[in-house]
Amino acid sequence: MKALCVFSGGLDSMLAVELVRAQDIEVQALFFETPFFSSDKAKTSAEHLHVPLRVIDITKPHLEIVQNPRHGYGTHMNPCIDCHALMFRTAGELLEDEGAGFVISGEVLGQRPMSQNKSALELIARESGLGSLLLRPLSAKHLPPSKPETRGWIQRDLLLDFKGRSRKPQMALAKKLKISDYPSPAGGCLLTEEVFSRRLKHLFSCTPHPEIFEIELLKFGRHFALGPGTKLVVGRNKQENQRLFSLATGKRTILKPVSIPGPTAVLTGPVTPSLLGLALEITVAYSDSEGQDSVKMGISGEKDERVEIAPGKHKRAFKGMMI
């Protein structure tokens, strides 16, 4: 018997894998990747467990869900119920291809108020099409028996009754199973972050069907709304400057001080001479231009490069434009 695990790479999903493998069931881990959550953590955790991992890009259907979630958002732009249903539905479509009989996850009843209460877990199982083929080993004893249990593929008495937000039971079990290398529960999905969600909402309001490049830009720098659909992204440090330059080269207008240290900035959307002048002023304000009346600025477009002079202003003049 073989099971597919919707695998985040967090401690809960690692424990779910080990509980099921302890019953002589082969496990194939699946990570569903989008611009909002990376497979890096999952790859590290899978390697630690020596479990095979398959990374699957679900960006297109996931973007549709993020823009129009049937069951709404969490605290920010996170459509957790719809997102989980999509992942489990995709996993279910892979059962035959992988030669597996059922799907597991590391979800814990009551750990997350929106997506892991009892009614939400039942809703996700139903809407994914998996129904009773979805097993949650960590909280199985609080939930109706799944098909793997009723058919004798797995022993219910060897599954667990974890419930609630405390991590102590998981940490104790990890210690017992000698799992010492696991990530902290913080982070993971950018859609749960306030600033990123605000930027994404602004992007959707300007561009209903954004490019992946535009979503990637949301992860870096300071963002300024210059006009309808026009935005400036200003790097905050050397690493961000390099990333912005790499992302935008050949795609968008890049601004950078020529004669003094300063940030790399990326200008997106419609660009008029007045908006370009404003973008140059903001970029200068975040450079080492204090005390200078003007600064030489390099402008790299999609097809040309040139230098213009921009006046020096204090950054407080532009605070109200920040997204």
Protein backbone atom coordinates (compact mmCIF):
# COMPACT_ATOMS: atom_id res chain seq x y z
CA MET A 1 0.00 0.00 0.00
CA LYS A 2 1.12 3.52 -0.81
CA ALA A 3 -0.09 6.93 0.35
CA LEU A 4 0.43 10.45 -0.98
CA CYS A 5 1.22 13.13 1.60
CA VAL A 6 0.37 16.78 0.99
CA PHE A 7 3.65 17.86 2.50
CA SER A 8 4.42 21.39 3.70
CA GLY A 9 7.78 20.46 5.20
CA GLY A 10 6.65 21.56 8.65
CA LEU A 11 6.79 19.35 11.72
CA ASP A 12 3.16 18.24 11.46
CA SER A 13 3.54 16.89 7.93
CA MET A 14 6.84 15.23 8.87
CA LEU A 15 5.14 13.43 11.77
CA ALA A 16 2.25 12.37 9.54
CA VAL A 17 4.72 10.74 7.16
CA GLU A 18 6.44 8.85 9.97
CA LEU A 19 3.20 7.65 11.58
CA VAL A 20 2.00 6.18 8.30
CA ARG A 21 5.37 4.69 7.32
CA ALA A 22 5.48 3.00 10.75
CA GLN A 23 2.56 0.87 9.52
CA ASP A 24 4.57 -0.39 6.52
CA ILE A 25 2.93 1.98 4.07
CA GLU A 26 5.06 3.65 1.41
CA VAL A 27 4.71 7.44 1.32
CA GLN A 28 5.26 9.81 -1.59
CA ALA A 29 5.41 13.45 -0.49
CA LEU A 30 3.85 16.16 -2.68
CA PHE A 31 4.53 19.87 -2.44
CA PHE A 32 2.30 22.27 -4.36
CA GLU A 33 4.30 25.37 -5.28
CA THR A 34 3.16 28.89 -6.19
CA PRO A 35 4.81 32.34 -6.05
CA PHE A 36 3.37 32.63 -2.54
CA PHE A 37 5.08 29.61 -0.99
CA SER A 38 8.37 27.99 -1.93
CA SER A 39 9.38 24.32 -1.82
CA ASP A 40 12.72 25.05 -0.10
CA LYS A 41 11.53 24.03 3.37
CA ALA A 42 9.78 20.94 2.03
CA LYS A 43 12.89 19.82 0.17
CA THR A 44 15.04 20.12 3.31
CA SER A 45 12.52 18.26 5.48
CA ALA A 46 11.97 15.52 2.90
CA GLU A 47 15.70 14.98 2.66
CA HIS A 48 15.90 14.73 6.46
CA LEU A 49 13.20 12.03 6.46
CA HIS A 50 14.52 10.28 3.34
CA VAL A 51 11.06 10.50 1.81
CA PRO A 52 10.68 11.09 -1.96
CA LEU A 53 9.29 14.51 -2.80
CA ARG A 54 7.50 15.62 -5.94
CA VAL A 55 7.10 19.39 -6.45
CA ILE A 56 4.08 20.44 -8.53
CA ASP A 57 3.41 23.98 -9.77
CA ILE A 58 -0.23 24.99 -9.25
CA THR A 59 0.24 28.72 -9.90
CA LYS A 60 -2.50 29.15 -12.52
CA PRO A 61 -5.45 27.58 -10.65
CA HIS A 62 -4.19 28.97 -7.37
CA LEU A 63 -4.12 32.56 -8.67
CA GLU A 64 -7.76 32.18 -9.70
CA ILE A 65 -8.59 31.08 -6.17
CA VAL A 66 -6.63 33.93 -4.56
CA GLN A 67 -8.59 36.46 -6.62
CA ASN A 68 -11.99 34.85 -6.12
CA PRO A 69 -12.06 32.49 -3.13
CA ARG A 70 -15.38 30.71 -2.76
CA HIS A 71 -14.98 30.47 1.00
CA GLY A 72 -13.34 33.83 1.61
CA TYR A 73 -10.05 34.92 3.10
CA GLY A 74 -8.36 34.47 6.44
CA THR A 75 -6.86 37.46 8.23
CA HIS A 76 -5.29 38.82 5.04
CA MET A 77 -5.26 37.48 1.44
CA ASN A 78 -5.03 33.81 2.43
CA PRO A 79 -7.92 31.72 1.04
CA CYS A 80 -6.98 28.73 3.19
CA ILE A 81 -10.05 26.53 2.72
CA ASP A 82 -10.10 26.92 -1.07
CA CYS A 83 -6.31 26.54 -1.22
CA HIS A 84 -6.30 23.29 0.77
CA ALA A 85 -9.19 21.91 -1.26
CA LEU A 86 -7.23 22.61 -4.46
CA MET A 87 -4.13 20.84 -3.14
CA PHE A 88 -6.05 17.77 -1.98
CA ARG A 89 -8.04 17.65 -5.21
CA THR A 90 -4.80 17.73 -7.21
CA ALA A 91 -3.33 15.03 -4.97
CA GLY A 92 -6.43 12.90 -5.56
CA GLU A 93 -5.98 13.25 -9.32
CA LEU A 94 -2.46 11.82 -8.89
CA LEU A 95 -3.46 8.69 -6.95
CA GLU A 96 -3.72 6.44 -9.98
CA ASP A 97 -0.59 7.88 -11.61
CA GLU A 98 1.41 7.28 -8.41
CA GLY A 99 -0.12 3.88 -7.70
CA ALA A 100 -1.35 5.11 -4.32
CA GLY A 101 -4.53 4.32 -2.42
CA PHE A 102 -5.17 7.39 -0.28
CA VAL A 103 -3.94 10.86 0.75
CA ILE A 104 -2.62 12.03 4.13
CA SER A 105 -1.79 15.40 5.63
CA GLY A 106 -0.34 16.80 8.84
CA GLU A 107 -3.41 18.90 9.71
CA VAL A 108 -4.27 19.08 13.40
CA LEU A 109 -7.85 19.66 14.51
CA GLY A 110 -8.21 23.12 16.05
CA GLN A 111 -4.68 24.29 15.28
CA ARG A 112 -5.85 26.98 12.86
CA PRO A 113 -9.22 28.62 13.49
CA MET A 114 -10.28 29.05 9.86
CA SER A 115 -9.07 25.97 8.02
CA GLN A 116 -8.62 23.33 10.72
CA ASN A 117 -11.83 23.36 12.70
CA LYS A 118 -13.98 20.26 12.34
CA SER A 119 -16.46 21.67 9.84
CA ALA A 120 -13.64 23.12 7.70
CA LEU A 121 -11.78 19.80 7.63
CA GLU A 122 -14.96 18.03 6.53
CA LEU A 123 -15.66 20.71 3.92
CA ILE A 124 -12.13 20.47 2.48
CA ALA A 125 -12.33 16.68 2.26
CA ARG A 126 -15.69 16.90 0.50
CA GLU A 127 -14.81 19.69 -1.94
CA SER A 128 -11.50 18.08 -2.85
CA GLY A 129 -13.40 15.00 -4.00
CA LEU A 130 -11.32 12.78 -1.71
CA GLY A 131 -13.92 12.36 1.00
CA SER A 132 -12.94 9.47 3.27
CA LEU A 133 -9.79 8.80 1.23
CA LEU A 134 -8.22 11.73 3.11
CA LEU A 135 -6.55 10.70 6.38
CA ARG A 136 -5.21 13.09 9.02
CA PRO A 137 -3.05 10.81 11.20
CA LEU A 138 -2.30 13.35 13.94
CA SER A 139 -5.98 13.96 14.77
CA ALA A 140 -7.58 10.79 13.40
CA LYS A 141 -9.15 9.75 16.72
CA HIS A 142 -11.12 13.00 16.85
CA LEU A 143 -12.47 12.52 13.32
CA PRO A 144 -14.75 9.96 11.65
CA PRO A 145 -12.88 6.81 10.51
CA SER A 146 -11.40 7.23 7.05
CA LYS A 147 -11.55 4.58 4.32
CA PRO A 148 -7.93 3.49 4.95
CA GLU A 149 -9.00 2.72 8.53
CA THR A 150 -12.34 1.02 7.79
CA ARG A 151 -10.80 -1.12 5.07
CA GLY A 152 -7.94 -2.22 7.27
CA TRP A 153 -5.17 -0.58 5.28
CA ILE A 154 -4.07 1.21 8.43
CA GLN A 155 -4.70 0.63 12.13
CA ARG A 156 -6.73 3.39 13.76
CA ASP A 157 -5.47 2.54 17.25
CA LEU A 158 -1.93 3.48 16.15
CA LEU A 159 -3.06 6.94 15.02
CA LEU A 160 -3.23 9.99 17.30
CA ASP A 161 -5.64 12.36 19.02
CA PHE A 162 -3.78 15.67 18.82
CA LYS A 163 -6.00 18.72 19.10
CA GLY A 164 -5.57 22.46 19.57
CA ARG A 165 -2.81 25.02 19.05
CA SER A 166 -0.16 23.75 21.45
CA ARG A 167 2.97 22.40 19.77
CA LYS A 168 4.12 20.44 22.81
CA PRO A 169 2.63 17.06 21.76
CA GLN A 170 4.25 17.33 18.32
CA MET A 171 7.61 18.28 19.79
CA ALA A 172 7.45 15.40 22.26
CA LEU A 173 6.62 12.96 19.45
CA ALA A 174 9.42 14.38 17.30
CA LYS A 175 11.85 13.74 20.13
CA LYS A 176 10.57 10.17 20.50
CA LEU A 177 10.95 9.58 16.76
CA LYS A 178 14.40 11.21 16.77
CA ILE A 179 13.32 13.99 14.42
CA SER A 180 15.55 16.86 15.45
CA ASP A 181 15.83 18.90 12.26
CA TYR A 182 12.50 20.59 11.60
CA PRO A 183 11.55 24.20 10.79
CA SER A 184 9.78 26.59 13.13
CA PRO A 185 6.04 26.96 12.48
CA ALA A 186 6.39 30.65 11.59
CA GLY A 187 6.27 31.89 8.01
CA GLY A 188 5.59 29.86 4.90
CA CYS A 189 2.71 31.50 3.05
CA LEU A 190 3.17 35.11 2.00
CA LEU A 191 -0.60 35.52 1.75
CA THR A 192 -0.81 35.52 5.54
CA GLU A 193 1.49 38.56 5.79
CA GLU A 194 -0.11 42.01 6.12
CA VAL A 195 2.30 44.05 3.97
CA PHE A 196 2.52 41.48 1.17
CA SER A 197 -1.28 41.12 1.11
CA ARG A 198 -1.72 44.88 0.86
CA ARG A 199 0.67 45.01 -2.07
CA LEU A 200 -1.05 42.07 -3.78
CA LYS A 201 -4.48 43.64 -3.37
CA HIS A 202 -3.15 46.84 -4.95
CA LEU A 203 -1.64 44.86 -7.83
CA PHE A 204 -4.93 43.05 -8.50
CA SER A 205 -6.79 46.38 -8.48
CA CYS A 206 -4.46 47.70 -11.21
CA THR A 207 -3.78 44.50 -13.12
CA PRO A 208 -6.47 41.79 -12.99
CA HIS A 209 -4.16 39.27 -14.68
CA PRO A 210 -0.62 40.06 -13.47
CA GLU A 211 2.52 38.41 -14.76
CA ILE A 212 4.47 36.16 -12.39
CA PHE A 213 7.24 38.75 -12.62
CA GLU A 214 4.91 41.36 -11.10
CA ILE A 215 4.04 39.07 -8.21
CA GLU A 216 7.72 38.35 -7.58
CA LEU A 217 8.37 42.09 -7.31
CA LEU A 218 5.97 42.25 -4.36
CA LYS A 219 8.48 40.35 -2.23
CA PHE A 220 11.15 43.06 -2.33
CA GLY A 221 11.76 46.72 -1.54
CA ARG A 222 9.53 49.68 -0.75
CA HIS A 223 6.51 50.11 -3.02
CA PHE A 224 5.10 53.49 -4.12
CA ALA A 225 1.90 54.12 -6.07
CA LEU A 226 2.70 56.91 -8.52
CA GLY A 227 -0.49 56.96 -10.58
CA PRO A 228 -3.20 54.67 -12.02
CA GLY A 229 -1.36 51.41 -12.68
CA THR A 230 2.11 52.94 -12.25
CA LYS A 231 4.30 51.80 -9.38
CA LEU A 232 7.90 52.22 -8.20
CA VAL A 233 9.75 49.52 -6.25
CA VAL A 234 12.85 50.76 -4.41
CA GLY A 235 15.43 48.30 -3.06
CA ARG A 236 16.29 48.45 0.65
CA ASN A 237 19.70 46.78 0.64
CA LYS A 238 22.34 45.27 -1.62
CA GLN A 239 20.64 41.89 -1.83
CA GLU A 240 17.30 43.41 -2.82
CA ASN A 241 18.98 45.73 -5.33
CA GLN A 242 20.58 42.75 -7.03
CA ARG A 243 17.33 40.79 -7.04
CA LEU A 244 15.34 43.69 -8.46
CA PHE A 245 17.93 44.28 -11.18
CA SER A 246 17.86 40.59 -12.10
CA LEU A 247 14.06 40.45 -12.21
CA ALA A 248 13.52 43.66 -14.18
CA THR A 249 16.36 43.69 -16.72
CA GLY A 250 14.89 43.71 -20.22
CA LYS A 251 11.34 43.87 -18.85
CA ARG A 252 10.85 47.21 -17.09
CA THR A 253 12.56 50.58 -16.54
CA ILE A 254 15.38 50.45 -13.96
CA LEU A 255 16.59 53.55 -12.11
CA LYS A 256 19.87 53.88 -10.22
CA PRO A 257 22.10 56.73 -9.00
CA VAL A 258 25.24 57.04 -11.11
CA SER A 259 27.62 59.09 -8.96
CA ILE A 260 26.64 58.13 -5.39
CA PRO A 261 25.60 54.95 -3.55
CA GLY A 262 21.89 54.33 -3.73
CA PRO A 263 19.11 51.85 -4.40
CA THR A 264 18.06 50.08 -7.52
CA ALA A 265 14.46 50.99 -8.37
CA VAL A 266 12.03 49.40 -10.83
CA LEU A 267 9.27 51.38 -12.53
CA THR A 268 6.22 49.45 -13.75
CA GLY A 269 3.05 50.42 -15.58
CA PRO A 270 2.41 53.41 -17.85
CA VAL A 271 5.29 55.89 -17.72
CA THR A 272 4.84 59.57 -18.61
CA PRO A 273 7.63 62.17 -18.34
CA SER A 274 6.10 63.54 -15.13
CA LEU A 275 5.78 60.08 -13.55
CA LEU A 276 9.36 59.28 -14.53
CA GLY A 277 10.50 62.53 -12.88
CA LEU A 278 8.62 61.60 -9.71
CA ALA A 279 10.16 58.11 -9.71
CA LEU A 280 13.64 59.63 -10.05
CA GLU A 281 13.00 61.98 -7.11
CA ILE A 282 11.87 59.10 -4.87
CA THR A 283 14.89 57.00 -5.80
CA VAL A 284 17.23 59.91 -5.05
CA ALA A 285 15.51 60.45 -1.68
CA TYR A 286 16.45 56.91 -0.63
CA SER A 287 20.07 57.27 -1.80
CA ASP A 288 23.08 58.79 -0.02
CA SER A 289 22.20 62.21 -1.45
CA GLU A 290 21.82 64.22 1.75
CA GLY A 291 22.95 67.81 1.21
CA GLN A 292 23.05 67.52 -2.59
CA ASP A 293 20.76 69.63 -4.76
CA SER A 294 20.78 67.17 -7.64
CA VAL A 295 22.00 63.68 -8.54
CA LYS A 296 22.89 61.98 -11.82
CA MET A 297 20.51 59.07 -12.36
CA GLY A 298 20.94 56.16 -14.74
CA ILE A 299 17.79 55.06 -16.56
CA SER A 300 17.79 51.64 -18.23
CA GLY A 301 14.73 51.01 -20.36
CA GLU A 302 13.74 47.89 -22.21
CA LYS A 303 15.67 49.14 -25.27
CA ASP A 304 17.85 52.11 -24.27
CA GLU A 305 19.99 53.61 -21.50
CA ARG A 306 20.51 57.25 -20.59
CA VAL A 307 21.42 59.62 -17.73
CA GLU A 308 19.24 62.41 -16.33
CA ILE A 309 19.63 64.89 -13.48
CA ALA A 310 17.12 64.56 -10.63
CA PRO A 311 16.63 66.96 -7.71
CA GLY A 312 17.35 65.89 -4.16
CA LYS A 313 14.39 65.77 -1.74
CA HIS A 314 13.79 64.27 1.70
CA LYS A 315 12.11 60.85 1.80
CA ARG A 316 9.35 62.14 4.11
CA ALA A 317 7.87 63.92 1.09
CA PHE A 318 6.90 60.55 -0.37
CA LYS A 319 5.74 58.58 2.69
CA GLY A 320 2.09 59.06 1.82
CA MET A 321 2.59 57.29 -1.52
CA MET A 322 3.92 54.09 0.00
CA ILE A 323 1.78 50.98 -0.49
